[in-house]
Amino acid sequence: MAATGTAASTEKGRRIVGAERQTLAKDLVKRYTSGESIRALAASTGRSYGFVHRVLTESGVQLRQRGGARRRKKQQ
């Protein structure tokens, strides 16, 4: 596998701490607030859902509610 700028930060199981974690957190916050889901972020970074969720909550992000748009009952 060729080494890229993000490959080192997304090695599976490797701890991400310090400045590297802050940089990753800023990127995740920006992408999440622009509409990407936690699952999509987890898949693109190679990290778990729980890791991404934890990083977002540690960063103070207000998480969106689960699920899609709710259907309304028809007015009669």
Protein backbone atom coordinates (compact mmCIF):
# COMPACT_ATOMS: atom_id res chain seq x y z
CA MET A 1 0.00 0.00 0.00
CA ALA A 2 1.40 3.41 -0.93
CA ALA A 3 1.84 5.87 1.92
CA THR A 4 -0.24 9.01 1.66
CA GLY A 5 -0.77 11.95 3.99
CA THR A 6 -3.88 10.40 5.50
CA ALA A 7 -2.81 6.75 5.46
CA ALA A 8 -0.56 7.16 8.49
CA SER A 9 -3.37 8.70 10.52
CA THR A 10 -5.83 5.98 9.58
CA GLU A 11 -3.80 2.86 10.28
CA LYS A 12 -6.23 0.42 11.80
CA GLY A 13 -5.88 0.14 15.56
CA ARG A 14 -3.15 2.76 15.89
CA ARG A 15 -3.65 5.31 18.67
CA ILE A 16 -4.15 8.86 17.51
CA VAL A 17 -3.11 11.41 20.14
CA GLY A 18 -1.84 14.96 20.51
CA ALA A 19 -1.65 17.31 17.56
CA GLU A 20 -2.53 14.55 15.12
CA ARG A 21 -5.80 13.88 16.97
CA GLN A 22 -6.63 17.60 17.06
CA THR A 23 -6.05 17.88 13.32
CA LEU A 24 -8.23 14.83 12.65
CA ALA A 25 -10.90 16.19 15.01
CA LYS A 26 -11.03 19.54 13.16
CA ASP A 27 -11.44 17.73 9.84
CA LEU A 28 -14.16 15.43 11.21
CA VAL A 29 -16.05 18.34 12.80
CA LYS A 30 -15.95 20.32 9.55
CA ARG A 31 -17.18 17.36 7.51
CA TYR A 32 -19.87 16.36 10.03
CA THR A 33 -21.27 19.89 10.33
CA SER A 34 -21.40 20.12 6.53
CA GLY A 35 -23.72 17.10 6.47
CA GLU A 36 -21.66 13.90 6.33
CA SER A 37 -22.82 11.07 8.59
CA ILE A 38 -20.73 9.50 11.35
CA ARG A 39 -20.84 6.21 9.45
CA ALA A 40 -19.54 7.87 6.27
CA LEU A 41 -16.76 9.57 8.24
CA ALA A 42 -15.82 6.27 9.87
CA ALA A 43 -15.69 4.48 6.53
CA SER A 44 -13.60 7.17 4.84
CA THR A 45 -11.06 7.42 7.68
CA GLY A 46 -10.81 3.70 8.40
CA ARG A 47 -11.77 4.25 12.04
CA SER A 48 -14.72 2.82 13.96
CA TYR A 49 -18.11 4.49 14.41
CA GLY A 50 -17.40 4.71 18.15
CA PHE A 51 -14.05 6.46 17.62
CA VAL A 52 -15.57 9.08 15.32
CA HIS A 53 -18.52 9.58 17.69
CA ARG A 54 -16.14 10.04 20.64
CA VAL A 55 -13.93 12.53 18.77
CA LEU A 56 -16.98 14.58 17.75
CA THR A 57 -18.42 14.66 21.28
CA GLU A 58 -15.01 15.54 22.74
CA SER A 59 -14.91 18.45 20.29
CA GLY A 60 -18.25 19.74 21.58
CA VAL A 61 -20.27 19.07 18.45
CA GLN A 62 -24.06 18.90 18.85
CA LEU A 63 -24.87 15.56 17.23
CA ARG A 64 -27.86 15.25 14.92
CA GLN A 65 -30.75 12.97 15.81
CA ARG A 66 -30.82 9.51 14.34
CA GLY A 67 -32.84 8.60 11.26
CA GLY A 68 -34.08 10.42 8.23
CA ALA A 69 -36.99 12.73 7.63
CA ARG A 70 -40.19 11.83 9.41
CA ARG A 71 -43.35 11.19 7.44
CA ARG A 72 -46.34 13.26 8.37
CA LYS A 73 -49.82 11.85 8.63
CA LYS A 74 -52.11 13.12 5.92
CA GLN A 75 -54.46 15.88 7.03
CA GLN A 76 -58.09 15.07 6.38
